[in-house]
């Protein structure tokens, strides 16, 4: 277990000054641990076939679709951007396509 930095970062709605939430500041030790785990995970991900990667990304797209409104609303509150810009950002798609960009074809 790592020693917490005992500092928090607060996030405010720029339009209303409402406190949206706060998070602990990450320690250097925590960052090192996450980077090390990320390197291991990258090796595992690299061993997946293109089809398996595509299926994983498709699952992610489904999750993002289900949480689009919730996440887009939070982005709008936190950044002060229009909701119409936040929604496509959540799913990383062009609204005119009508389809998620992630996981459409594991071979691309």
Protein backbone atom coordinates (compact mmCIF):
# COMPACT_ATOMS: atom_id res chain seq x y z
CA UNK A 1 0.00 0.00 0.00
CA UNK A 2 1.22 3.47 -0.82
CA UNK A 3 1.24 6.54 1.35
CA UNK A 4 -1.40 8.97 0.15
CA UNK A 5 -0.29 12.48 -0.75
CA UNK A 6 -3.06 13.86 1.51
CA UNK A 7 -3.97 16.40 -1.14
CA UNK A 8 -7.11 16.59 -3.23
CA UNK A 9 -7.96 18.23 -6.52
CA UNK A 10 -11.43 19.75 -6.73
CA UNK A 11 -13.39 20.05 -9.94
CA UNK A 12 -15.86 22.93 -10.37
CA UNK A 13 -18.47 23.74 -12.98
CA UNK A 14 -16.98 26.86 -14.63
CA UNK A 15 -20.42 28.36 -15.29
CA UNK A 16 -21.98 27.88 -11.86
CA UNK A 17 -18.90 27.42 -9.63
CA UNK A 18 -20.65 24.30 -8.24
CA UNK A 19 -18.26 21.71 -6.78
CA UNK A 20 -18.63 18.60 -8.95
CA UNK A 21 -16.26 16.38 -7.01
CA UNK A 22 -12.72 15.86 -5.87
CA UNK A 23 -9.99 13.25 -6.25
CA UNK A 24 -6.83 12.37 -4.36
CA UNK A 25 -3.55 13.58 -5.83
CA UNK A 26 -1.64 10.56 -7.10
CA UNK A 27 1.75 9.85 -5.52
CA UNK A 28 4.87 9.07 -7.56
CA UNK A 29 4.79 5.52 -6.19
CA UNK A 30 1.21 5.04 -7.39
CA UNK A 31 2.11 6.36 -10.82
CA UNK A 32 5.08 3.98 -11.05
CA UNK A 33 2.86 1.04 -10.09
CA UNK A 34 0.22 1.93 -12.68
CA UNK A 35 2.85 2.35 -15.42
CA UNK A 36 4.36 -1.05 -14.55
CA UNK A 37 0.94 -2.72 -14.70
CA UNK A 38 0.27 -0.94 -17.99
CA UNK A 39 3.43 -2.39 -19.52
CA UNK A 40 2.39 -5.89 -18.50
CA UNK A 41 -1.13 -5.36 -19.82
CA UNK A 42 0.26 -4.06 -23.13
CA UNK A 43 2.18 -7.32 -23.62
CA UNK A 44 -1.02 -9.30 -22.99
CA UNK A 45 -3.05 -7.04 -25.33
CA UNK A 46 -0.38 -7.42 -28.02
CA UNK A 47 -0.82 -11.19 -27.94
CA UNK A 48 -4.55 -10.92 -28.78
CA UNK A 49 -5.64 -11.57 -32.35
CA UNK A 50 -7.10 -8.70 -34.35
CA UNK A 51 -10.51 -10.32 -34.02
CA UNK A 52 -10.25 -10.50 -30.22
CA UNK A 53 -9.09 -6.89 -30.04
CA UNK A 54 -12.04 -5.91 -32.21
CA UNK A 55 -14.47 -7.74 -29.92
CA UNK A 56 -12.98 -6.01 -26.87
CA UNK A 57 -13.32 -2.61 -28.50
CA UNK A 58 -16.86 -3.41 -29.57
CA UNK A 59 -17.71 -4.21 -25.93
CA UNK A 60 -16.20 -0.88 -24.92
CA UNK A 61 -18.32 0.90 -27.53
CA UNK A 62 -21.47 -0.74 -26.11
CA UNK A 63 -20.57 0.40 -22.58
CA UNK A 64 -19.86 3.93 -23.78
CA UNK A 65 -23.16 3.98 -25.66
CA UNK A 66 -25.02 3.05 -22.47
CA UNK A 67 -23.24 5.76 -20.46
CA UNK A 68 -23.08 8.42 -23.17
CA UNK A 69 -25.57 10.85 -21.65
CA UNK A 70 -24.14 10.51 -18.13
CA UNK A 71 -20.54 11.04 -19.25
CA UNK A 72 -21.38 13.80 -21.72
CA UNK A 73 -23.34 15.69 -19.06
CA UNK A 74 -20.39 15.46 -16.67
CA UNK A 75 -17.99 16.66 -19.39
CA UNK A 76 -20.28 19.61 -20.13
CA UNK A 77 -20.46 20.56 -16.46
CA UNK A 78 -16.74 20.14 -15.90
CA UNK A 79 -15.48 21.87 -19.04
CA UNK A 80 -18.29 24.23 -19.89
CA UNK A 81 -18.54 22.86 -23.41
CA UNK A 82 -21.86 22.43 -25.21
CA UNK A 83 -23.56 19.06 -24.68
CA UNK A 84 -23.74 18.68 -28.47
CA UNK A 85 -19.92 18.55 -28.52
CA UNK A 86 -19.58 16.30 -25.47
CA UNK A 87 -21.79 13.49 -26.76
CA UNK A 88 -19.65 12.64 -29.83
CA UNK A 89 -16.51 12.98 -27.70
CA UNK A 90 -17.69 10.25 -25.34
CA UNK A 91 -18.13 7.69 -28.09
CA UNK A 92 -15.46 9.09 -30.41
CA UNK A 93 -17.69 9.11 -33.41
CA UNK A 94 -18.93 11.53 -35.98
CA UNK A 95 -22.66 11.98 -35.29
CA UNK A 96 -23.41 11.70 -39.02
CA UNK A 97 -22.06 8.12 -39.12
CA UNK A 98 -24.55 6.82 -36.58
CA UNK A 99 -22.17 4.01 -35.61
CA UNK A 100 -19.49 3.68 -32.95
CA UNK A 101 -15.98 4.14 -34.28
CA UNK A 102 -14.48 1.55 -31.92
CA UNK A 103 -14.48 -2.16 -32.73
CA UNK A 104 -16.28 -2.12 -36.06
CA UNK A 105 -13.70 -4.35 -37.66
CA UNK A 106 -10.85 -5.99 -35.76
CA UNK A 107 -8.74 -6.07 -38.92
CA UNK A 108 -8.45 -2.29 -39.25
